[in-house]
């Protein structure tokens, strides 16, 4: 005879296991939720006289992929200068990544295939080029868990700049103006400029605080890059040309680079102090 009681118990246990796995998976996923501060403490070995371990908070923001046209890899900037000059001559704004190695990037867009036409046009002009890939938020901000300034002021400020970068990539799906109509461009640019101005305003507020003195240089540079980026977006409305889109994307690459440098330098400073 079939033991229905035994089968019921087995099924019940199986269901419990599945539920536990789902809950555990949700827990792991929630560890990396956008803009969440979490503890980051190494596991220490058991010692007879263990040294106190400083607890750290970590700001992990979602990584966002973008694409760019990469023209060469160079051990020195001067080796790239000829191509930089040629790109400027044809009306483009190349970005040179921090190095070595140094990379020349043109454009910053979220849909890879939308860079093919520009790639082919530049190849016809004699450039050796390929579509490269980059990441926003490829690093995390770390600071002592008892640092209320970093948790309450600095981390939320990074969230404001992260919003600007994310929404910029949603706008820049392509290096070409033709992907949107004029009104759509205008509405999106207005939205980005509002977010840029909000980030700048909050930066000014933080710069007036005594706790920000050690990070004045980094915050001032980030603010400067944001101001320029917000202003240059008007060029797209004025000219309605691909060159203006690529110009703005060049300034966006500079803002992304400065944002990453700010995270890295401030983390180093706050952990040393």
Protein backbone atom coordinates (compact mmCIF):
# COMPACT_ATOMS: atom_id res chain seq x y z
CA UNK A 1 0.00 0.00 0.00
CA UNK A 2 1.05 3.56 -0.67
CA UNK A 3 2.17 5.34 2.45
CA UNK A 4 0.44 8.70 1.93
CA UNK A 5 1.65 10.05 5.25
CA UNK A 6 5.26 9.45 4.27
CA UNK A 7 4.73 11.06 0.86
CA UNK A 8 3.09 14.10 2.51
CA UNK A 9 6.07 14.55 4.86
CA UNK A 10 8.56 14.31 1.97
CA UNK A 11 6.61 16.87 -0.09
CA UNK A 12 6.36 19.22 2.91
CA UNK A 13 10.12 19.01 3.54
CA UNK A 14 10.82 19.67 -0.15
CA UNK A 15 8.60 22.75 -0.11
CA UNK A 16 10.38 24.07 2.98
CA UNK A 17 13.77 23.62 1.31
CA UNK A 18 12.62 25.53 -1.79
CA UNK A 19 11.22 28.37 0.34
CA UNK A 20 14.46 28.61 2.33
CA UNK A 21 16.51 28.74 -0.90
CA UNK A 22 14.33 31.52 -2.29
CA UNK A 23 14.57 33.56 0.90
CA UNK A 24 18.34 33.05 1.00
CA UNK A 25 18.64 34.14 -2.61
CA UNK A 26 16.60 37.26 -1.87
CA UNK A 27 18.85 38.00 1.08
CA UNK A 28 21.99 37.76 -1.04
CA UNK A 29 20.46 39.92 -3.72
CA UNK A 30 19.42 42.58 -1.25
CA UNK A 31 23.03 42.92 -0.07
CA UNK A 32 23.82 44.87 -3.23
CA UNK A 33 20.67 46.98 -3.41
CA UNK A 34 21.25 50.47 -4.83
CA UNK A 35 22.47 53.08 -2.39
CA UNK A 36 22.55 50.80 0.67
CA UNK A 37 25.22 51.17 3.30
CA UNK A 38 26.47 47.85 4.63
CA UNK A 39 29.07 46.63 7.07
CA UNK A 40 32.40 45.54 5.62
CA UNK A 41 34.40 43.75 8.29
CA UNK A 42 37.04 41.09 7.65
CA UNK A 43 36.76 37.83 9.56
CA UNK A 44 39.51 37.82 12.16
CA UNK A 45 41.33 34.79 13.48
CA UNK A 46 40.87 33.84 17.13
CA UNK A 47 43.79 35.24 19.09
CA UNK A 48 44.68 35.22 22.74
CA UNK A 49 44.84 39.03 22.67
CA UNK A 50 42.85 40.07 19.60
CA UNK A 51 43.40 43.61 18.34
CA UNK A 52 40.25 45.72 17.99
CA UNK A 53 38.89 45.61 14.44
CA UNK A 54 37.55 48.89 13.07
CA UNK A 55 34.13 48.44 11.52
CA UNK A 56 33.65 49.93 8.08
CA UNK A 57 30.60 51.05 6.16
CA UNK A 58 30.49 50.49 2.42
CA UNK A 59 28.46 52.38 -0.16
CA UNK A 60 27.92 50.05 -3.12
CA UNK A 61 26.01 51.60 -6.00
CA UNK A 62 24.76 49.55 -8.93
CA UNK A 63 27.31 49.20 -11.72
CA UNK A 64 26.11 50.57 -15.06
CA UNK A 65 27.71 49.62 -18.36
CA UNK A 66 28.46 52.12 -21.12
CA UNK A 67 30.14 51.95 -24.52
CA UNK A 68 32.70 54.16 -26.20
CA UNK A 69 34.90 54.18 -29.28
CA UNK A 70 38.45 53.37 -28.25
CA UNK A 71 41.35 54.50 -30.40
CA UNK A 72 44.52 52.77 -29.27
CA UNK A 73 46.26 51.95 -26.00
CA UNK A 74 49.41 53.91 -25.15
CA UNK A 75 52.13 53.65 -22.52
CA UNK A 76 52.63 57.44 -22.58
CA UNK A 77 50.27 60.31 -23.29
CA UNK A 78 52.65 61.86 -25.82
CA UNK A 79 52.38 58.70 -27.93
CA UNK A 80 48.65 59.36 -28.23
CA UNK A 81 48.97 63.07 -29.00
CA UNK A 82 48.89 62.73 -32.80
CA UNK A 83 45.53 60.93 -32.74
CA UNK A 84 44.18 63.34 -30.12
CA UNK A 85 45.05 66.29 -32.37
CA UNK A 86 43.48 64.63 -35.43
CA UNK A 87 40.24 63.97 -33.56
CA UNK A 88 40.07 67.58 -32.37
CA UNK A 89 40.67 68.79 -35.94
CA UNK A 90 37.56 66.95 -37.17
CA UNK A 91 35.44 68.49 -34.40
CA UNK A 92 35.44 65.74 -31.78
CA UNK A 93 36.31 65.90 -28.08
CA UNK A 94 38.44 62.87 -27.20
CA UNK A 95 38.81 61.74 -23.61
CA UNK A 96 42.13 60.28 -22.43
CA UNK A 97 41.69 57.78 -19.62
CA UNK A 98 43.88 57.74 -16.52
CA UNK A 99 46.89 55.53 -17.01
CA UNK A 100 49.25 54.10 -17.87
CA UNK A 101 48.09 52.52 -20.06
CA UNK A 102 46.29 55.49 -21.61
CA UNK A 103 43.25 55.05 -23.84
CA UNK A 104 41.60 57.52 -26.19
CA UNK A 105 37.82 57.39 -25.95
CA UNK A 106 35.24 59.09 -28.17
CA UNK A 107 31.57 59.05 -27.22
CA UNK A 108 29.69 57.58 -24.25
CA UNK A 109 26.45 55.75 -24.99
CA UNK A 110 24.39 52.87 -23.61
CA UNK A 111 23.52 50.90 -26.78
CA UNK A 112 26.57 49.20 -28.30
CA UNK A 113 25.23 48.77 -31.83
CA UNK A 114 24.50 52.50 -32.08
CA UNK A 115 28.25 53.16 -32.26
CA UNK A 116 28.83 51.12 -35.43
CA UNK A 117 28.18 53.94 -37.93
CA UNK A 118 30.52 56.36 -36.14
CA UNK A 119 33.14 53.61 -35.89
CA UNK A 120 33.00 53.01 -39.64
CA UNK A 121 33.18 56.74 -40.39
CA UNK A 122 36.31 57.13 -38.25
CA UNK A 123 37.88 54.05 -39.81
CA UNK A 124 37.45 55.68 -43.22
CA UNK A 125 39.49 58.59 -41.89
CA UNK A 126 42.34 56.22 -41.06
CA UNK A 127 41.76 55.54 -37.35
CA UNK A 128 42.22 52.06 -35.90
CA UNK A 129 39.23 51.82 -33.63
CA UNK A 130 36.93 49.44 -31.79
CA UNK A 131 33.88 49.72 -29.56
CA UNK A 132 35.08 49.50 -25.97
CA UNK A 133 33.21 49.07 -22.71
CA UNK A 134 33.28 50.94 -19.41
CA UNK A 135 31.55 50.81 -16.03
CA UNK A 136 30.08 53.44 -13.77
CA UNK A 137 30.51 52.51 -10.08
CA UNK A 138 33.38 50.09 -10.55
CA UNK A 139 34.52 50.95 -7.01
CA UNK A 140 32.92 51.54 -3.60
CA UNK A 141 33.15 54.23 -0.93
CA UNK A 142 34.43 52.89 2.41
CA UNK A 143 34.61 54.69 5.74
CA UNK A 144 34.51 53.96 9.50
CA UNK A 145 31.01 53.06 10.66
CA UNK A 146 31.06 55.80 13.32
CA UNK A 147 31.70 58.57 10.75
CA UNK A 148 28.31 60.29 10.67
CA UNK A 149 29.43 62.91 8.13
CA UNK A 150 30.32 60.30 5.52
CA UNK A 151 27.14 58.30 6.15
CA UNK A 152 24.73 61.21 6.41
CA UNK A 153 26.19 63.77 3.99
CA UNK A 154 28.90 62.47 1.68
CA UNK A 155 27.32 59.15 0.70
CA UNK A 156 23.96 60.76 -0.21
CA UNK A 157 25.86 63.36 -2.26
CA UNK A 158 27.47 60.60 -4.31
CA UNK A 159 23.95 59.28 -4.83
CA UNK A 160 23.00 62.61 -6.42
CA UNK A 161 25.91 62.47 -8.86
CA UNK A 162 25.19 58.82 -9.56
CA UNK A 163 21.66 59.83 -10.55
CA UNK A 164 23.05 62.36 -13.04
CA UNK A 165 25.33 59.75 -14.61
CA UNK A 166 22.64 57.07 -14.82
CA UNK A 167 20.05 59.35 -16.37
CA UNK A 168 22.64 60.73 -18.79
CA UNK A 169 23.28 57.23 -20.10
CA UNK A 170 19.55 56.67 -20.47
CA UNK A 171 19.47 59.82 -22.59
CA UNK A 172 22.62 59.02 -24.55
CA UNK A 173 21.64 55.72 -26.12
CA UNK A 174 23.59 56.75 -29.22
CA UNK A 175 26.28 59.19 -30.41
CA UNK A 176 23.80 60.51 -33.00
CA UNK A 177 21.28 63.36 -32.71
CA UNK A 178 18.74 61.65 -34.97
CA UNK A 179 17.67 59.08 -32.33
CA UNK A 180 15.26 61.63 -30.79
CA UNK A 181 13.09 64.47 -31.98
CA UNK A 182 13.89 68.03 -30.91
CA UNK A 183 11.22 68.19 -28.19
CA UNK A 184 12.35 64.91 -26.64
CA UNK A 185 15.96 66.11 -26.53
CA UNK A 186 14.87 69.35 -24.88
CA UNK A 187 12.81 67.60 -22.20
CA UNK A 188 15.58 65.14 -21.35
CA UNK A 189 18.23 67.84 -21.23
CA UNK A 190 16.06 69.94 -18.89
CA UNK A 191 15.73 66.95 -16.56
CA UNK A 192 19.47 66.27 -16.50
CA UNK A 193 20.27 69.95 -15.91
CA UNK A 194 17.86 70.03 -12.96
CA UNK A 195 19.64 67.03 -11.44
CA UNK A 196 23.05 68.57 -12.10
CA UNK A 197 21.99 71.80 -10.38
CA UNK A 198 20.66 69.85 -7.39
CA UNK A 199 23.97 67.97 -7.06
CA UNK A 200 25.91 71.24 -7.31
CA UNK A 201 23.71 72.90 -4.68
CA UNK A 202 24.21 70.02 -2.25
CA UNK A 203 27.96 70.10 -2.94
CA UNK A 204 28.03 73.78 -1.97
CA UNK A 205 26.18 73.00 1.27
CA UNK A 206 28.67 70.28 2.18
CA UNK A 207 31.67 72.45 1.28
CA UNK A 208 30.53 74.90 3.98
CA UNK A 209 30.80 72.21 6.64
CA UNK A 210 33.99 71.86 8.69
CA UNK A 211 33.96 68.08 8.19
CA UNK A 212 34.49 68.54 4.43
CA UNK A 213 37.81 70.41 4.69
CA UNK A 214 39.92 67.32 4.01
CA UNK A 215 37.95 66.66 0.83
CA UNK A 216 37.68 70.22 -0.46
CA UNK A 217 39.84 69.64 -3.53
CA UNK A 218 37.96 66.50 -4.62
CA UNK A 219 34.53 68.05 -4.09
CA UNK A 220 35.47 71.28 -5.84
CA UNK A 221 36.76 69.41 -8.88
CA UNK A 222 33.63 67.24 -9.03
CA UNK A 223 31.46 70.34 -8.81
CA UNK A 224 33.45 72.06 -11.58
CA UNK A 225 33.07 69.08 -13.94
CA UNK A 226 29.34 68.96 -13.22
CA UNK A 227 28.89 72.68 -13.94
CA UNK A 228 30.63 72.40 -17.31
CA UNK A 229 28.69 69.28 -18.25
CA UNK A 230 25.36 70.89 -17.37
CA UNK A 231 26.15 73.99 -19.42
CA UNK A 232 27.46 72.22 -22.51
CA UNK A 233 24.23 70.21 -22.86
CA UNK A 234 22.67 73.37 -24.32
CA UNK A 235 24.87 72.85 -27.40
CA UNK A 236 22.67 69.92 -28.42
CA UNK A 237 19.59 72.14 -28.42
CA UNK A 238 21.37 74.94 -30.25
CA UNK A 239 23.06 73.01 -33.06
CA UNK A 240 21.04 69.77 -33.36
CA UNK A 241 24.15 68.01 -34.66
CA UNK A 242 26.04 64.79 -33.91
CA UNK A 243 29.12 66.85 -33.07
CA UNK A 244 27.26 68.48 -30.16
CA UNK A 245 26.11 65.09 -28.87
CA UNK A 246 29.68 63.76 -28.98
CA UNK A 247 30.96 66.95 -27.34
CA UNK A 248 28.59 66.44 -24.41
CA UNK A 249 29.48 62.76 -24.19
CA UNK A 250 33.15 63.76 -23.96
CA UNK A 251 32.35 65.97 -20.97
CA UNK A 252 30.26 63.15 -19.51
CA UNK A 253 33.31 60.86 -19.65
CA UNK A 254 35.28 63.51 -17.75
CA UNK A 255 32.55 63.71 -15.11
CA UNK A 256 32.48 59.91 -14.74
CA UNK A 257 36.26 59.83 -14.34
CA UNK A 258 36.19 62.63 -11.74
CA UNK A 259 33.35 60.89 -9.86
CA UNK A 260 35.40 57.68 -9.65
CA UNK A 261 38.53 59.57 -8.58
CA UNK A 262 36.54 61.31 -5.85
CA UNK A 263 35.33 57.97 -4.46
CA UNK A 264 38.85 56.53 -4.52
CA UNK A 265 40.69 59.53 -3.07
CA UNK A 266 38.14 60.25 -0.34
CA UNK A 267 38.13 56.59 0.69
CA UNK A 268 41.92 56.64 0.99
CA UNK A 269 41.88 59.85 3.02
CA UNK A 270 39.11 58.85 5.41
CA UNK A 271 40.65 55.45 6.14
CA UNK A 272 44.08 56.98 6.81
CA UNK A 273 42.68 59.67 9.09
